[in-house]
């Protein structure tokens, strides 16, 4: 078995390859967080038959890489960052660098402190992303409606009572789009 540890970052990831005996086969190397970078990773690891790729589940920076590797049939193990922190704390130096983190990730793989990514996990990651986007969009819409109500309370306070307190109807928006002031509406 060959273990590949990947330290995830926003722009540039680091990976290293270690044998099951703990021998470093490929020293930590950087690759970009892009399709081109992912292809560089695959070029480095394509000759290893029986391999397990490990990375920390730290936010959205790893999502594209997870999809990329999973679609190509690689086994991907997600590691809780608490696990790598615990290993780091057990070291004498307790240093944190991208190159050292790849080795800590490999250690987590070796002691089986990971969960293997499957198709259900891929779907959950995508659904989580969509759900968060939906929630953020609804919150943004609510803020904008509150701001609009505040502005209308200042420039056109009568409008709220006309629509019985609910300014956010299609008819009120259509009216405001065509007649944007109390004066314009009074001339109708």
N, C-alpha and C. Protein backbone atom coordinates (compact mmCIF):
# COMPACT_ATOMS: atom_id res chain seq x y z
N UNK A 1 0.85 -1.18 0.00
CA UNK A 1 0.00 0.00 0.00
C UNK A 1 0.90 1.24 0.00
N UNK A 2 0.50 2.22 -0.79
CA UNK A 2 1.20 3.51 -0.84
C UNK A 2 0.22 4.57 -0.34
N UNK A 3 0.71 5.44 0.50
CA UNK A 3 -0.12 6.49 1.07
C UNK A 3 0.29 7.85 0.50
N UNK A 4 -0.70 8.63 0.13
CA UNK A 4 -0.46 9.96 -0.43
C UNK A 4 -1.16 10.95 0.48
N UNK A 5 -0.38 11.79 1.12
CA UNK A 5 -0.94 12.81 2.00
C UNK A 5 -0.97 14.15 1.28
N UNK A 6 -2.11 14.80 1.33
CA UNK A 6 -2.26 16.11 0.67
C UNK A 6 -2.68 17.14 1.71
N UNK A 7 -1.89 18.20 1.80
CA UNK A 7 -2.23 19.34 2.65
C UNK A 7 -2.93 20.37 1.77
N UNK A 8 -4.15 20.70 2.14
CA UNK A 8 -5.01 21.57 1.33
C UNK A 8 -4.81 23.03 1.71
N UNK A 9 -4.79 23.88 0.69
CA UNK A 9 -4.73 25.33 0.89
C UNK A 9 -5.56 26.00 -0.21
N UNK A 10 -5.69 27.28 -0.13
CA UNK A 10 -6.55 28.00 -1.07
C UNK A 10 -6.00 27.96 -2.50
N UNK A 11 -4.72 28.26 -2.66
CA UNK A 11 -4.15 28.36 -3.99
C UNK A 11 -3.23 27.20 -4.36
N UNK A 12 -2.50 26.69 -3.37
CA UNK A 12 -1.50 25.67 -3.65
C UNK A 12 -1.56 24.58 -2.59
N UNK A 13 -1.71 23.33 -3.04
CA UNK A 13 -1.69 22.18 -2.15
C UNK A 13 -0.28 21.59 -2.15
N UNK A 14 0.01 20.78 -1.13
CA UNK A 14 1.25 20.01 -1.08
C UNK A 14 0.89 18.55 -0.94
N UNK A 15 1.66 17.69 -1.60
CA UNK A 15 1.43 16.25 -1.50
C UNK A 15 2.76 15.54 -1.33
N UNK A 16 2.70 14.41 -0.64
CA UNK A 16 3.87 13.53 -0.54
C UNK A 16 3.39 12.10 -0.62
N UNK A 17 4.30 11.22 -1.03
CA UNK A 17 3.97 9.80 -1.18
C UNK A 17 4.89 9.00 -0.26
N UNK A 18 4.26 8.11 0.53
CA UNK A 18 4.99 7.32 1.52
C UNK A 18 4.57 5.86 1.38
N UNK A 19 5.55 4.97 1.48
CA UNK A 19 5.23 3.54 1.42
C UNK A 19 4.64 3.08 2.74
N UNK A 20 4.11 1.87 2.75
CA UNK A 20 3.52 1.32 3.99
C UNK A 20 4.60 1.09 5.05
N UNK A 21 5.87 1.06 4.65
CA UNK A 21 6.98 0.94 5.60
C UNK A 21 7.39 2.28 6.19
N UNK A 22 6.78 3.36 5.72
CA UNK A 22 7.12 4.69 6.21
C UNK A 22 8.22 5.38 5.42
N UNK A 23 8.65 4.75 4.33
CA UNK A 23 9.70 5.34 3.49
C UNK A 23 9.08 6.39 2.57
N UNK A 24 9.68 7.57 2.54
CA UNK A 24 9.20 8.63 1.66
C UNK A 24 9.61 8.30 0.24
N UNK A 25 8.61 8.07 -0.61
CA UNK A 25 8.87 7.72 -2.01
C UNK A 25 8.98 9.00 -2.85
N UNK A 26 8.04 9.94 -2.60
CA UNK A 26 8.07 11.23 -3.29
C UNK A 26 8.01 12.30 -2.21
N UNK A 27 9.05 13.13 -2.17
CA UNK A 27 9.11 14.21 -1.18
C UNK A 27 7.97 15.20 -1.43
N UNK A 28 7.56 15.93 -0.39
CA UNK A 28 6.47 16.88 -0.55
C UNK A 28 6.72 17.84 -1.72
N UNK A 29 5.69 17.94 -2.57
CA UNK A 29 5.77 18.82 -3.73
C UNK A 29 4.48 19.64 -3.83
N UNK A 30 4.57 20.86 -4.35
CA UNK A 30 3.38 21.69 -4.48
C UNK A 30 2.65 21.44 -5.80
N UNK A 31 1.37 21.68 -5.80
CA UNK A 31 0.59 21.71 -7.04
C UNK A 31 -0.58 22.68 -6.85
N UNK A 32 -0.93 23.34 -7.93
CA UNK A 32 -1.95 24.38 -7.87
C UNK A 32 -3.35 23.80 -7.61
N UNK A 33 -4.19 24.62 -7.01
CA UNK A 33 -5.59 24.25 -6.80
C UNK A 33 -6.36 24.58 -8.08
N UNK A 34 -6.06 23.82 -9.12
CA UNK A 34 -6.68 24.02 -10.44
C UNK A 34 -6.63 22.68 -11.17
N UNK A 35 -7.34 22.61 -12.27
CA UNK A 35 -7.33 21.38 -13.06
C UNK A 35 -5.91 21.05 -13.51
N UNK A 36 -5.18 22.08 -13.93
CA UNK A 36 -3.80 21.87 -14.35
C UNK A 36 -2.95 21.31 -13.20
N UNK A 37 -3.15 21.85 -12.01
CA UNK A 37 -2.44 21.35 -10.84
C UNK A 37 -2.84 19.93 -10.50
N UNK A 38 -4.12 19.62 -10.63
CA UNK A 38 -4.61 18.27 -10.35
C UNK A 38 -3.97 17.28 -11.32
N UNK A 39 -3.83 17.70 -12.58
CA UNK A 39 -3.19 16.82 -13.56
C UNK A 39 -1.72 16.58 -13.19
N UNK A 40 -1.06 17.60 -12.64
CA UNK A 40 0.32 17.43 -12.19
C UNK A 40 0.37 16.38 -11.08
N UNK A 41 -0.59 16.44 -10.16
CA UNK A 41 -0.66 15.45 -9.08
C UNK A 41 -0.81 14.05 -9.66
N UNK A 42 -1.74 13.89 -10.59
CA UNK A 42 -1.99 12.58 -11.18
C UNK A 42 -0.74 12.06 -11.88
N UNK A 43 -0.01 12.94 -12.57
CA UNK A 43 1.24 12.53 -13.22
C UNK A 43 2.24 11.99 -12.19
N UNK A 44 2.28 12.60 -11.02
CA UNK A 44 3.22 12.17 -9.98
C UNK A 44 2.83 10.82 -9.37
N UNK A 45 1.52 10.54 -9.31
CA UNK A 45 1.07 9.34 -8.58
C UNK A 45 0.53 8.22 -9.46
N UNK A 46 0.45 8.44 -10.77
CA UNK A 46 -0.21 7.45 -11.63
C UNK A 46 0.50 6.09 -11.67
N UNK A 47 1.77 6.04 -11.34
CA UNK A 47 2.49 4.76 -11.39
C UNK A 47 2.30 3.91 -10.14
N UNK A 48 1.66 4.46 -9.13
CA UNK A 48 1.42 3.71 -7.89
C UNK A 48 0.06 3.02 -7.99
N UNK A 49 0.08 1.69 -7.95
CA UNK A 49 -1.14 0.92 -8.16
C UNK A 49 -2.08 0.96 -6.96
N UNK A 50 -1.61 0.44 -5.87
CA UNK A 50 -2.45 0.31 -4.68
C UNK A 50 -2.18 1.51 -3.77
N UNK A 51 -2.98 2.56 -3.92
CA UNK A 51 -2.69 3.76 -3.12
C UNK A 51 -3.97 4.29 -2.46
N UNK A 52 -3.75 4.99 -1.37
CA UNK A 52 -4.82 5.65 -0.63
C UNK A 52 -4.41 7.11 -0.47
N UNK A 53 -5.29 8.00 -0.90
CA UNK A 53 -5.02 9.43 -0.82
C UNK A 53 -5.76 10.00 0.38
N UNK A 54 -5.05 10.74 1.20
CA UNK A 54 -5.68 11.33 2.38
C UNK A 54 -5.56 12.84 2.37
N UNK A 55 -6.62 13.49 2.84
CA UNK A 55 -6.61 14.94 3.01
C UNK A 55 -7.56 15.32 4.12
N UNK A 56 -7.28 16.47 4.73
CA UNK A 56 -8.15 16.93 5.80
C UNK A 56 -9.44 17.49 5.22
N UNK A 57 -10.52 17.29 5.96
CA UNK A 57 -11.80 17.85 5.53
C UNK A 57 -11.91 19.26 6.11
N UNK A 58 -11.26 20.20 5.41
CA UNK A 58 -11.19 21.58 5.88
C UNK A 58 -11.80 22.52 4.86
N UNK A 59 -13.10 22.61 4.87
CA UNK A 59 -13.77 23.61 4.04
C UNK A 59 -13.82 23.25 2.56
N UNK A 60 -14.15 24.25 1.78
CA UNK A 60 -14.46 24.04 0.37
C UNK A 60 -13.24 23.98 -0.55
N UNK A 61 -12.05 24.31 -0.06
CA UNK A 61 -10.87 24.32 -0.93
C UNK A 61 -10.54 22.93 -1.47
N UNK A 62 -10.96 21.90 -0.81
CA UNK A 62 -10.64 20.54 -1.24
C UNK A 62 -11.72 19.92 -2.11
N UNK A 63 -12.88 20.54 -2.19
CA UNK A 63 -14.01 19.89 -2.87
C UNK A 63 -13.71 19.51 -4.31
N UNK A 64 -13.17 20.43 -5.10
CA UNK A 64 -12.89 20.12 -6.50
C UNK A 64 -11.86 18.99 -6.63
N UNK A 65 -10.88 18.99 -5.76
CA UNK A 65 -9.88 17.93 -5.79
C UNK A 65 -10.50 16.58 -5.44
N UNK A 66 -11.38 16.57 -4.46
CA UNK A 66 -12.07 15.33 -4.07
C UNK A 66 -12.87 14.79 -5.26
N UNK A 67 -13.66 15.67 -5.91
CA UNK A 67 -14.44 15.24 -7.08
C UNK A 67 -13.51 14.69 -8.16
N UNK A 68 -12.44 15.42 -8.43
CA UNK A 68 -11.49 15.05 -9.48
C UNK A 68 -10.91 13.66 -9.22
N UNK A 69 -10.42 13.44 -8.02
CA UNK A 69 -9.78 12.16 -7.68
C UNK A 69 -10.80 11.02 -7.64
N UNK A 70 -11.97 11.28 -7.07
CA UNK A 70 -12.99 10.25 -6.97
C UNK A 70 -13.45 9.80 -8.36
N UNK A 71 -13.65 10.76 -9.27
CA UNK A 71 -14.08 10.42 -10.63
C UNK A 71 -13.05 9.58 -11.36
N UNK A 72 -11.79 9.68 -10.98
CA UNK A 72 -10.73 8.91 -11.62
C UNK A 72 -10.47 7.58 -10.91
N UNK A 73 -11.29 7.26 -9.94
CA UNK A 73 -11.21 5.96 -9.29
C UNK A 73 -10.23 5.84 -8.14
N UNK A 74 -9.69 6.95 -7.70
CA UNK A 74 -8.77 6.91 -6.55
C UNK A 74 -9.56 6.75 -5.26
N UNK A 75 -8.96 6.04 -4.31
CA UNK A 75 -9.53 5.96 -2.97
C UNK A 75 -9.10 7.21 -2.22
N UNK A 76 -10.09 7.93 -1.70
CA UNK A 76 -9.81 9.17 -0.99
C UNK A 76 -10.32 9.04 0.43
N UNK A 77 -9.43 9.28 1.39
CA UNK A 77 -9.79 9.25 2.79
C UNK A 77 -9.83 10.66 3.36
N UNK A 78 -10.95 11.02 3.96
CA UNK A 78 -11.08 12.33 4.61
C UNK A 78 -10.69 12.19 6.07
N UNK A 79 -9.88 13.13 6.51
CA UNK A 79 -9.36 13.09 7.88
C UNK A 79 -9.85 14.31 8.63
N UNK A 80 -10.34 14.08 9.83
CA UNK A 80 -10.76 15.18 10.69
C UNK A 80 -9.50 15.93 11.13
N UNK A 81 -9.47 17.26 10.98
CA UNK A 81 -8.28 18.03 11.36
C UNK A 81 -7.87 17.84 12.82
N UNK A 82 -8.81 17.45 13.65
CA UNK A 82 -8.49 17.19 15.06
C UNK A 82 -7.49 16.04 15.16
N UNK A 83 -7.61 15.08 14.24
CA UNK A 83 -6.69 13.93 14.25
C UNK A 83 -5.25 14.38 13.96
N UNK A 84 -5.09 15.22 12.93
CA UNK A 84 -3.73 15.67 12.60
C UNK A 84 -3.19 16.60 13.68
N UNK A 85 -4.06 17.41 14.27
CA UNK A 85 -3.63 18.27 15.38
C UNK A 85 -3.12 17.43 16.55
N UNK A 86 -3.82 16.32 16.83
CA UNK A 86 -3.41 15.45 17.93
C UNK A 86 -2.04 14.84 17.65
N UNK A 87 -1.82 14.43 16.41
CA UNK A 87 -0.50 13.88 16.05
C UNK A 87 0.58 14.95 16.14
N UNK A 88 0.26 16.15 15.70
CA UNK A 88 1.22 17.26 15.77
C UNK A 88 1.58 17.54 17.23
N UNK A 89 0.57 17.55 18.10
CA UNK A 89 0.80 17.82 19.52
C UNK A 89 1.66 16.74 20.18
N UNK A 90 1.59 15.53 19.64
CA UNK A 90 2.38 14.45 20.22
C UNK A 90 3.85 14.52 19.78
N UNK A 91 4.15 15.28 18.74
CA UNK A 91 5.54 15.48 18.30
C UNK A 91 6.26 16.43 19.24
N UNK A 92 7.54 16.29 19.32
CA UNK A 92 8.34 17.14 20.21
C UNK A 92 8.33 18.59 19.73
N UNK A 93 8.51 18.81 18.42
CA UNK A 93 8.65 20.17 17.91
C UNK A 93 7.31 20.88 17.70
N UNK A 94 6.25 20.15 17.46
CA UNK A 94 4.90 20.72 17.26
C UNK A 94 4.87 21.79 16.17
N UNK A 95 5.68 21.59 15.13
CA UNK A 95 5.72 22.56 14.05
C UNK A 95 4.61 22.29 13.04
N UNK A 96 4.24 23.34 12.33
CA UNK A 96 3.19 23.21 11.31
C UNK A 96 3.67 23.86 10.03
N UNK A 97 3.97 23.02 9.06
CA UNK A 97 4.27 23.50 7.71
C UNK A 97 3.52 22.58 6.75
N UNK A 98 3.35 23.05 5.52
CA UNK A 98 2.64 22.25 4.52
C UNK A 98 3.33 20.91 4.30
N UNK A 99 4.65 20.92 4.27
CA UNK A 99 5.39 19.69 4.02
C UNK A 99 5.26 18.71 5.17
N UNK A 100 5.32 19.20 6.40
CA UNK A 100 5.17 18.33 7.58
C UNK A 100 3.74 17.81 7.66
N UNK A 101 2.77 18.67 7.33
CA UNK A 101 1.37 18.26 7.40
C UNK A 101 1.07 17.10 6.45
N UNK A 102 1.73 17.04 5.29
CA UNK A 102 1.49 15.90 4.39
C UNK A 102 1.88 14.60 5.09
N UNK A 103 2.94 14.64 5.87
CA UNK A 103 3.40 13.42 6.58
C UNK A 103 2.45 13.08 7.73
N UNK A 104 1.91 14.10 8.40
CA UNK A 104 0.94 13.84 9.47
C UNK A 104 -0.33 13.21 8.89
N UNK A 105 -0.72 13.68 7.71
CA UNK A 105 -1.90 13.12 7.04
C UNK A 105 -1.65 11.66 6.68
N UNK A 106 -0.45 11.37 6.19
CA UNK A 106 -0.09 9.97 5.90
C UNK A 106 -0.15 9.13 7.16
N UNK A 107 0.35 9.66 8.27
CA UNK A 107 0.30 8.92 9.54
C UNK A 107 -1.15 8.60 9.91
N UNK A 108 -2.05 9.56 9.72
CA UNK A 108 -3.47 9.31 10.01
C UNK A 108 -4.01 8.20 9.13
N UNK A 109 -3.58 8.18 7.87
CA UNK A 109 -4.02 7.10 6.98
C UNK A 109 -3.50 5.75 7.48
N UNK A 110 -2.24 5.73 7.91
CA UNK A 110 -1.63 4.48 8.36
C UNK A 110 -2.30 3.91 9.61
N UNK A 111 -2.76 4.79 10.49
CA UNK A 111 -3.42 4.31 11.71
C UNK A 111 -4.95 4.27 11.55
N UNK A 112 -5.37 4.41 10.30
CA UNK A 112 -6.79 4.27 9.92
C UNK A 112 -7.72 5.29 10.60
N UNK A 113 -7.26 6.53 10.69
CA UNK A 113 -8.07 7.61 11.26
C UNK A 113 -8.64 8.46 10.12
N UNK A 114 -9.46 7.85 9.29
CA UNK A 114 -10.04 8.53 8.14
C UNK A 114 -11.38 7.88 7.80
N UNK A 115 -12.15 8.56 6.99
CA UNK A 115 -13.36 7.95 6.43
C UNK A 115 -13.23 7.99 4.91
N UNK A 116 -13.47 6.85 4.29
CA UNK A 116 -13.32 6.71 2.86
C UNK A 116 -14.48 7.41 2.14
N UNK A 117 -14.16 8.20 1.14
CA UNK A 117 -15.18 8.93 0.37
C UNK A 117 -15.89 7.96 -0.55
N UNK A 118 -17.22 8.03 -0.56
CA UNK A 118 -18.02 7.23 -1.48
C UNK A 118 -18.98 8.14 -2.24
N UNK A 119 -19.77 7.58 -3.13
CA UNK A 119 -20.66 8.40 -3.97
C UNK A 119 -21.67 9.18 -3.12
N UNK A 120 -22.11 8.60 -2.03
CA UNK A 120 -23.05 9.31 -1.15
C UNK A 120 -22.38 10.54 -0.54
N UNK A 121 -21.12 10.42 -0.16
CA UNK A 121 -20.38 11.56 0.39
C UNK A 121 -20.27 12.69 -0.64
N UNK A 122 -20.01 12.31 -1.89
CA UNK A 122 -19.92 13.30 -2.97
C UNK A 122 -21.24 14.05 -3.08
N UNK A 123 -22.35 13.32 -3.07
CA UNK A 123 -23.67 13.96 -3.14
C UNK A 123 -23.93 14.85 -1.94
N UNK A 124 -23.51 14.40 -0.76
CA UNK A 124 -23.71 15.20 0.46
C UNK A 124 -22.91 16.50 0.38
N UNK A 125 -21.68 16.42 -0.12
CA UNK A 125 -20.85 17.62 -0.26
C UNK A 125 -21.54 18.62 -1.19
N UNK A 126 -22.06 18.12 -2.31
CA UNK A 126 -22.74 19.00 -3.28
C UNK A 126 -24.01 19.58 -2.68
N UNK A 127 -24.79 18.76 -1.99
CA UNK A 127 -26.03 19.23 -1.37
C UNK A 127 -25.75 20.25 -0.27
N UNK A 128 -24.70 20.02 0.50
CA UNK A 128 -24.31 20.96 1.54
C UNK A 128 -23.98 22.32 0.93
N UNK A 129 -23.22 22.30 -0.17
CA UNK A 129 -22.85 23.53 -0.86
C UNK A 129 -24.10 24.27 -1.34
N UNK A 130 -25.02 23.53 -1.98
CA UNK A 130 -26.27 24.14 -2.48
C UNK A 130 -27.13 24.67 -1.33
N UNK A 131 -27.20 23.92 -0.25
CA UNK A 131 -28.01 24.35 0.90
C UNK A 131 -27.46 25.63 1.52
N UNK A 132 -26.15 25.70 1.66
CA UNK A 132 -25.53 26.91 2.22
C UNK A 132 -25.77 28.10 1.30
N UNK A 133 -25.64 27.88 -0.01
CA UNK A 133 -25.87 28.95 -0.97
C UNK A 133 -27.32 29.44 -0.88
N UNK A 134 -28.25 28.49 -0.78
CA UNK A 134 -29.66 28.86 -0.67
C UNK A 134 -29.91 29.68 0.60
N UNK A 135 -29.37 29.23 1.72
CA UNK A 135 -29.54 29.94 2.98
C UNK A 135 -28.96 31.35 2.89
N UNK A 136 -27.76 31.47 2.34
CA UNK A 136 -27.14 32.80 2.20
C UNK A 136 -27.97 33.71 1.29
N UNK A 137 -28.54 33.14 0.23
CA UNK A 137 -29.36 33.92 -0.69
C UNK A 137 -30.64 34.40 0.00
N UNK A 138 -31.26 33.54 0.78
CA UNK A 138 -32.47 33.93 1.52
C UNK A 138 -32.14 35.01 2.54
N UNK A 139 -31.02 34.87 3.24
CA UNK A 139 -30.63 35.90 4.22
C UNK A 139 -30.34 37.22 3.54
N UNK A 140 -29.70 37.17 2.39
CA UNK A 140 -29.41 38.39 1.64
C UNK A 140 -30.72 39.04 1.16
N UNK A 141 -31.64 38.23 0.69
CA UNK A 141 -32.94 38.74 0.23
C UNK A 141 -33.68 39.41 1.39
N UNK A 142 -33.62 38.81 2.57
CA UNK A 142 -34.28 39.38 3.75
C UNK A 142 -33.66 40.73 4.12
N UNK A 143 -32.33 40.83 4.08
CA UNK A 143 -31.66 42.11 4.37
C UNK A 143 -32.08 43.19 3.37
N UNK A 144 -32.14 42.82 2.09
CA UNK A 144 -32.51 43.78 1.07
C UNK A 144 -33.95 44.24 1.25
N UNK A 145 -34.85 43.33 1.59
CA UNK A 145 -36.25 43.71 1.83
C UNK A 145 -36.35 44.66 3.02
N UNK A 146 -35.56 44.40 4.06
CA UNK A 146 -35.56 45.28 5.23
C UNK A 146 -35.06 46.67 4.85
N UNK A 147 -34.00 46.73 4.05
CA UNK A 147 -33.47 48.02 3.60
C UNK A 147 -34.48 48.76 2.73
N UNK A 148 -35.16 48.03 1.84
CA UNK A 148 -36.18 48.65 0.99
C UNK A 148 -37.32 49.21 1.83
N UNK A 149 -37.78 48.44 2.80
CA UNK A 149 -38.85 48.90 3.69
C UNK A 149 -38.42 50.15 4.44
N UNK A 150 -37.20 50.16 4.91
CA UNK A 150 -36.68 51.32 5.63
C UNK A 150 -36.67 52.56 4.74
N UNK A 151 -36.21 52.41 3.52
CA UNK A 151 -36.19 53.55 2.58
C UNK A 151 -37.60 54.03 2.26
N UNK A 152 -38.51 53.07 2.03
CA UNK A 152 -39.89 53.46 1.70
C UNK A 152 -40.59 54.12 2.89
N UNK A 153 -40.25 53.70 4.10
CA UNK A 153 -40.83 54.34 5.29
C UNK A 153 -40.44 55.82 5.35
N UNK A 154 -39.29 56.15 4.81
CA UNK A 154 -38.81 57.54 4.82
C UNK A 154 -39.41 58.34 3.67
N UNK A 155 -39.34 57.82 2.45
CA UNK A 155 -39.76 58.60 1.28
C UNK A 155 -41.24 58.44 0.92
N UNK A 156 -41.87 57.36 1.38
CA UNK A 156 -43.25 57.10 0.97
C UNK A 156 -43.98 56.32 2.07
N UNK A 157 -44.13 56.91 3.27
CA UNK A 157 -44.69 56.18 4.41
C UNK A 157 -46.14 55.71 4.21
N UNK A 158 -46.88 56.36 3.37
CA UNK A 158 -48.29 55.98 3.15
C UNK A 158 -48.43 54.64 2.43
N UNK A 159 -47.42 54.28 1.69
CA UNK A 159 -47.50 53.07 0.88
C UNK A 159 -47.71 51.82 1.73
N UNK A 160 -47.07 51.77 2.87
CA UNK A 160 -47.17 50.59 3.74
C UNK A 160 -48.61 50.34 4.17
N UNK A 161 -49.31 51.39 4.57
CA UNK A 161 -50.72 51.21 5.00
C UNK A 161 -51.62 50.84 3.84
N UNK A 162 -51.30 51.32 2.64
CA UNK A 162 -52.10 51.00 1.46
C UNK A 162 -52.06 49.50 1.17
N UNK A 163 -50.89 48.87 1.38
CA UNK A 163 -50.75 47.43 1.14
C UNK A 163 -50.83 46.64 2.45
N UNK A 164 -51.45 47.22 3.46
CA UNK A 164 -51.69 46.57 4.75
C UNK A 164 -50.40 46.00 5.35
N UNK A 165 -49.32 46.78 5.29
CA UNK A 165 -48.06 46.40 5.93
C UNK A 165 -47.18 45.46 5.14
N UNK A 166 -47.65 44.94 3.99
CA UNK A 166 -46.82 44.02 3.20
C UNK A 166 -46.43 44.69 1.88
N UNK A 167 -45.30 45.32 1.91
CA UNK A 167 -44.81 46.01 0.71
C UNK A 167 -44.22 45.06 -0.32
N UNK A 168 -43.98 43.83 0.07
CA UNK A 168 -43.23 42.90 -0.77
C UNK A 168 -44.16 41.97 -1.55
N UNK A 169 -45.08 42.60 -2.28
CA UNK A 169 -45.98 41.89 -3.17
C UNK A 169 -45.62 42.27 -4.60
N UNK A 170 -45.95 41.39 -5.55
CA UNK A 170 -45.65 41.69 -6.95
C UNK A 170 -46.34 42.98 -7.39
N UNK A 171 -47.57 43.19 -6.92
CA UNK A 171 -48.32 44.38 -7.34
C UNK A 171 -47.68 45.66 -6.78
N UNK A 172 -47.16 45.60 -5.55
CA UNK A 172 -46.53 46.80 -4.99
C UNK A 172 -45.21 47.09 -5.71
N UNK A 173 -44.47 46.04 -6.06
CA UNK A 173 -43.22 46.23 -6.80
C UNK A 173 -43.51 46.79 -8.20
N UNK A 174 -44.57 46.27 -8.83
CA UNK A 174 -44.94 46.76 -10.17
C UNK A 174 -45.35 48.23 -10.10
N UNK A 175 -46.11 48.59 -9.06
CA UNK A 175 -46.55 49.97 -8.88
C UNK A 175 -45.33 50.88 -8.68
N UNK A 176 -44.42 50.48 -7.82
CA UNK A 176 -43.23 51.28 -7.55
C UNK A 176 -42.31 51.38 -8.77
N UNK A 177 -42.30 50.34 -9.57
CA UNK A 177 -41.47 50.38 -10.76
C UNK A 177 -41.99 51.43 -11.75
N UNK A 178 -43.30 51.52 -11.84
CA UNK A 178 -43.90 52.46 -12.80
C UNK A 178 -44.06 53.86 -12.21
N UNK A 179 -44.46 53.93 -10.93
CA UNK A 179 -44.67 55.21 -10.25
C UNK A 179 -43.87 55.19 -8.95
N UNK A 180 -42.72 55.82 -8.94
CA UNK A 180 -41.80 55.66 -7.82
C UNK A 180 -41.95 56.67 -6.70
N UNK A 181 -42.98 57.50 -6.74
CA UNK A 181 -43.16 58.47 -5.65
C UNK A 181 -44.63 58.66 -5.35
N UNK A 182 -44.88 59.20 -4.17
CA UNK A 182 -46.27 59.47 -3.76
C UNK A 182 -46.88 60.50 -4.70
N UNK A 183 -46.10 61.44 -5.14
CA UNK A 183 -46.59 62.49 -6.04
C UNK A 183 -47.03 61.89 -7.39
N UNK A 184 -46.25 60.97 -7.91
CA UNK A 184 -46.61 60.33 -9.18
C UNK A 184 -47.89 59.52 -9.06
N UNK A 185 -48.07 58.86 -7.93
CA UNK A 185 -49.27 58.05 -7.73
C UNK A 185 -50.49 58.96 -7.53
N UNK A 186 -50.32 60.07 -6.83
CA UNK A 186 -51.46 60.97 -6.59
C UNK A 186 -51.97 61.61 -7.87
N UNK A 187 -51.16 61.68 -8.92
CA UNK A 187 -51.57 62.24 -10.19
C UNK A 187 -52.32 61.23 -11.07
N UNK A 188 -52.44 60.00 -10.63
CA UNK A 188 -53.13 58.98 -11.41
C UNK A 188 -54.63 59.26 -11.48
